[in-house]
Amino acid sequence: MGINELRVAVTLVSLAVFLGIVVWAWRGRFDAAAELPLQGDEQ
């Protein structure tokens, strides 16, 4: 495996990780956190 193949492999792995993070973040697991700025001060 040459340096160019290694660079391609690292680039593809990085892209897959990035896309995985984007999908994870957009799946709606942060709905409660998204509502926090809209809630009033409850002290």
PDB file of N, CA and C in Angstrom:
ATOM      1  N   MET A   1       0.851  -1.172   0.000  1.00  0.00           N
ATOM      2  CA  MET A   1       0.000   0.000   0.000  1.00  0.00           C
ATOM      3  C   MET A   1       0.894   1.231   0.000  1.00  0.00           C
ATOM      4  N   GLY A   2       0.710   2.041  -1.005  1.00  0.00           N
ATOM      5  CA  GLY A   2       1.498   3.257  -1.119  1.00  0.00           C
ATOM      6  C   GLY A   2       0.884   4.397  -0.323  1.00  0.00           C
ATOM      7  N   ILE A   3       1.571   5.510  -0.336  1.00  0.00           N
ATOM      8  CA  ILE A   3       1.121   6.678   0.424  1.00  0.00           C
ATOM      9  C   ILE A   3      -0.187   7.231  -0.129  1.00  0.00           C
ATOM     10  N   ASN A   4      -0.376   7.156  -1.448  1.00  0.00           N
ATOM     11  CA  ASN A   4      -1.607   7.680  -2.033  1.00  0.00           C
ATOM     12  C   ASN A   4      -2.813   6.840  -1.641  1.00  0.00           C
ATOM     13  N   GLU A   5      -2.655   5.522  -1.599  1.00  0.00           N
ATOM     14  CA  GLU A   5      -3.756   4.665  -1.170  1.00  0.00           C
ATOM     15  C   GLU A   5      -4.095   4.912   0.301  1.00  0.00           C
ATOM     16  N   LEU A   6      -3.072   5.151   1.108  1.00  0.00           N
ATOM     17  CA  LEU A   6      -3.292   5.459   2.517  1.00  0.00           C
ATOM     18  C   LEU A   6      -4.041   6.775   2.672  1.00  0.00           C
ATOM     19  N   ARG A   7      -3.686   7.762   1.890  1.00  0.00           N
ATOM     20  CA  ARG A   7      -4.373   9.051   1.932  1.00  0.00           C
ATOM     21  C   ARG A   7      -5.835   8.910   1.521  1.00  0.00           C
ATOM     22  N   VAL A   8      -6.090   8.127   0.492  1.00  0.00           N
ATOM     23  CA  VAL A   8      -7.471   7.893   0.056  1.00  0.00           C
ATOM     24  C   VAL A   8      -8.258   7.182   1.154  1.00  0.00           C
ATOM     25  N   ALA A   9      -7.664   6.187   1.776  1.00  0.00           N
ATOM     26  CA  ALA A   9      -8.341   5.448   2.837  1.00  0.00           C
ATOM     27  C   ALA A   9      -8.655   6.351   4.026  1.00  0.00           C
ATOM     28  N   VAL A  10      -7.713   7.179   4.430  1.00  0.00           N
ATOM     29  CA  VAL A  10      -7.939   8.088   5.554  1.00  0.00           C
ATOM     30  C   VAL A  10      -9.022   9.103   5.197  1.00  0.00           C
ATOM     31  N   THR A  11      -9.020   9.596   3.974  1.00  0.00           N
ATOM     32  CA  THR A  11     -10.040  10.544   3.543  1.00  0.00           C
ATOM     33  C   THR A  11     -11.422   9.907   3.563  1.00  0.00           C
ATOM     34  N   LEU A  12     -11.536   8.683   3.072  1.00  0.00           N
ATOM     35  CA  LEU A  12     -12.836   8.011   3.048  1.00  0.00           C
ATOM     36  C   LEU A  12     -13.333   7.680   4.457  1.00  0.00           C
ATOM     37  N   VAL A  13     -12.438   7.267   5.324  1.00  0.00           N
ATOM     38  CA  VAL A  13     -12.822   6.995   6.712  1.00  0.00           C
ATOM     39  C   VAL A  13     -13.266   8.282   7.393  1.00  0.00           C
ATOM     40  N   SER A  14     -12.553   9.371   7.164  1.00  0.00           N
ATOM     41  CA  SER A  14     -12.920  10.658   7.750  1.00  0.00           C
ATOM     42  C   SER A  14     -14.283  11.121   7.246  1.00  0.00           C
ATOM     43  N   LEU A  15     -14.548  10.949   5.970  1.00  0.00           N
ATOM     44  CA  LEU A  15     -15.845  11.311   5.410  1.00  0.00           C
ATOM     45  C   LEU A  15     -16.955  10.469   6.022  1.00  0.00           C
ATOM     46  N   ALA A  16     -16.720   9.178   6.178  1.00  0.00           N
ATOM     47  CA  ALA A  16     -17.725   8.299   6.778  1.00  0.00           C
ATOM     48  C   ALA A  16     -18.008   8.687   8.224  1.00  0.00           C
ATOM     49  N   VAL A  17     -16.976   9.024   8.973  1.00  0.00           N
ATOM     50  CA  VAL A  17     -17.165   9.452  10.364  1.00  0.00           C
ATOM     51  C   VAL A  17     -17.937  10.763  10.416  1.00  0.00           C
ATOM     52  N   PHE A  18     -17.590  11.704   9.566  1.00  0.00           N
ATOM     53  CA  PHE A  18     -18.294  12.982   9.518  1.00  0.00           C
ATOM     54  C   PHE A  18     -19.767  12.787   9.184  1.00  0.00           C
ATOM     55  N   LEU A  19     -20.054  11.998   8.176  1.00  0.00           N
ATOM     56  CA  LEU A  19     -21.451  11.758   7.804  1.00  0.00           C
ATOM     57  C   LEU A  19     -22.201  11.027   8.916  1.00  0.00           C
ATOM     58  N   GLY A  20     -21.525  10.127   9.604  1.00  0.00           N
ATOM     59  CA  GLY A  20     -22.145   9.447  10.737  1.00  0.00           C
ATOM     60  C   GLY A  20     -22.503  10.408  11.846  1.00  0.00           C
ATOM     61  N   ILE A  21     -21.637  11.360  12.135  1.00  0.00           N
ATOM     62  CA  ILE A  21     -21.919  12.361  13.164  1.00  0.00           C
ATOM     63  C   ILE A  21     -23.085  13.248  12.741  1.00  0.00           C
ATOM     64  N   VAL A  22     -23.136  13.635  11.479  1.00  0.00           N
ATOM     65  CA  VAL A  22     -24.235  14.464  10.982  1.00  0.00           C
ATOM     66  C   VAL A  22     -25.557  13.718  11.111  1.00  0.00           C
ATOM     67  N   VAL A  23     -25.603  12.457  10.715  1.00  0.00           N
ATOM     68  CA  VAL A  23     -26.831  11.668  10.819  1.00  0.00           C
ATOM     69  C   VAL A  23     -27.232  11.505  12.274  1.00  0.00           C
ATOM     70  N   TRP A  24     -26.273  11.236  13.149  1.00  0.00           N
ATOM     71  CA  TRP A  24     -26.559  11.074  14.574  1.00  0.00           C
ATOM     72  C   TRP A  24     -27.147  12.355  15.162  1.00  0.00           C
ATOM     73  N   ALA A  25     -26.601  13.496  14.768  1.00  0.00           N
ATOM     74  CA  ALA A  25     -27.063  14.770  15.312  1.00  0.00           C
ATOM     75  C   ALA A  25     -28.439  15.147  14.793  1.00  0.00           C
ATOM     76  N   TRP A  26     -28.792  14.753  13.584  1.00  0.00           N
ATOM     77  CA  TRP A  26     -30.062  15.136  12.989  1.00  0.00           C
ATOM     78  C   TRP A  26     -31.182  14.147  13.285  1.00  0.00           C
ATOM     79  N   ARG A  27     -30.927  13.109  14.065  1.00  0.00           N
ATOM     80  CA  ARG A  27     -31.955  12.104  14.326  1.00  0.00           C
ATOM     81  C   ARG A  27     -32.968  12.541  15.377  1.00  0.00           C
ATOM     82  N   GLY A  28     -32.816  13.717  15.948  1.00  0.00           N
ATOM     83  CA  GLY A  28     -33.809  14.229  16.871  1.00  0.00           C
ATOM     84  C   GLY A  28     -33.515  13.925  18.325  1.00  0.00           C
ATOM     85  N   ARG A  29     -32.312  13.576  18.640  1.00  0.00           N
ATOM     86  CA  ARG A  29     -31.978  13.273  20.030  1.00  0.00           C
ATOM     87  C   ARG A  29     -31.774  14.532  20.849  1.00  0.00           C
ATOM     88  N   PHE A  30     -31.774  15.667  20.215  1.00  0.00           N
ATOM     89  CA  PHE A  30     -31.502  16.918  20.899  1.00  0.00           C
ATOM     90  C   PHE A  30     -32.740  17.808  20.966  1.00  0.00           C
ATOM     91  N   ASP A  31     -33.922  17.219  20.880  1.00  0.00           N
ATOM     92  CA  ASP A  31     -35.142  18.010  20.920  1.00  0.00           C
ATOM     93  C   ASP A  31     -35.293  18.741  22.248  1.00  0.00           C
ATOM     94  N   ALA A  32     -35.008  18.089  23.343  1.00  0.00           N
ATOM     95  CA  ALA A  32     -35.131  18.736  24.653  1.00  0.00           C
ATOM     96  C   ALA A  32     -34.135  19.882  24.783  1.00  0.00           C
ATOM     97  N   ALA A  33     -32.936  19.698  24.308  1.00  0.00           N
ATOM     98  CA  ALA A  33     -31.928  20.756  24.383  1.00  0.00           C
ATOM     99  C   ALA A  33     -32.296  21.926  23.471  1.00  0.00           C
ATOM    100  N   ALA A  34     -32.937  21.641  22.355  1.00  0.00           N
ATOM    101  CA  ALA A  34     -33.328  22.708  21.435  1.00  0.00           C
ATOM    102  C   ALA A  34     -34.408  23.595  22.029  1.00  0.00           C
ATOM    103  N   GLU A  35     -35.207  23.072  22.930  1.00  0.00           N
ATOM    104  CA  GLU A  35     -36.295  23.833  23.554  1.00  0.00           C
ATOM    105  C   GLU A  35     -35.816  24.683  24.731  1.00  0.00           C
ATOM    106  N   LEU A  36     -34.632  24.455  25.254  1.00  0.00           N
ATOM    107  CA  LEU A  36     -34.168  25.186  26.420  1.00  0.00           C
ATOM    108  C   LEU A  36     -34.158  26.701  26.264  1.00  0.00           C
ATOM    109  N   PRO A  37     -33.694  27.257  25.146  1.00  0.00           N
ATOM    110  CA  PRO A  37     -33.694  28.733  25.026  1.00  0.00           C
ATOM    111  C   PRO A  37     -35.106  29.330  24.985  1.00  0.00           C
ATOM    112  N   LEU A  38     -36.093  28.536  24.635  1.00  0.00           N
ATOM    113  CA  LEU A  38     -37.460  29.045  24.501  1.00  0.00           C
ATOM    114  C   LEU A  38     -38.220  28.998  25.825  1.00  0.00           C
ATOM    115  N   GLN A  39     -37.692  28.300  26.784  1.00  0.00           N
ATOM    116  CA  GLN A  39     -38.363  28.214  28.083  1.00  0.00           C
ATOM    117  C   GLN A  39     -38.048  29.447  28.904  1.00  0.00           C
ATOM    118  N   GLY A  40     -39.013  29.853  29.710  1.00  0.00           N
ATOM    119  CA  GLY A  40     -38.818  31.014  30.560  1.00  0.00           C
ATOM    120  C   GLY A  40     -37.934  30.673  31.755  1.00  0.00           C
ATOM    121  N   ASP A  41     -37.520  31.701  32.465  1.00  0.00           N
ATOM    122  CA  ASP A  41     -36.730  31.501  33.665  1.00  0.00           C
ATOM    123  C   ASP A  41     -37.617  30.963  34.769  1.00  0.00           C
ATOM    124  N   GLU A  42     -37.301  29.809  35.243  1.00  0.00           N
ATOM    125  CA  GLU A  42     -38.079  29.161  36.296  1.00  0.00           C
ATOM    126  C   GLU A  42     -37.255  29.076  37.551  1.00  0.00           C
ATOM    127  N   GLN A  43     -37.131  30.197  38.237  1.00  0.00           N
ATOM    128  CA  GLN A  43     -36.304  30.224  39.449  1.00  0.00           C
ATOM    129  C   GLN A  43     -37.161  30.303  40.684  1.00  0.00           C
TER     130      GLN A  43
END
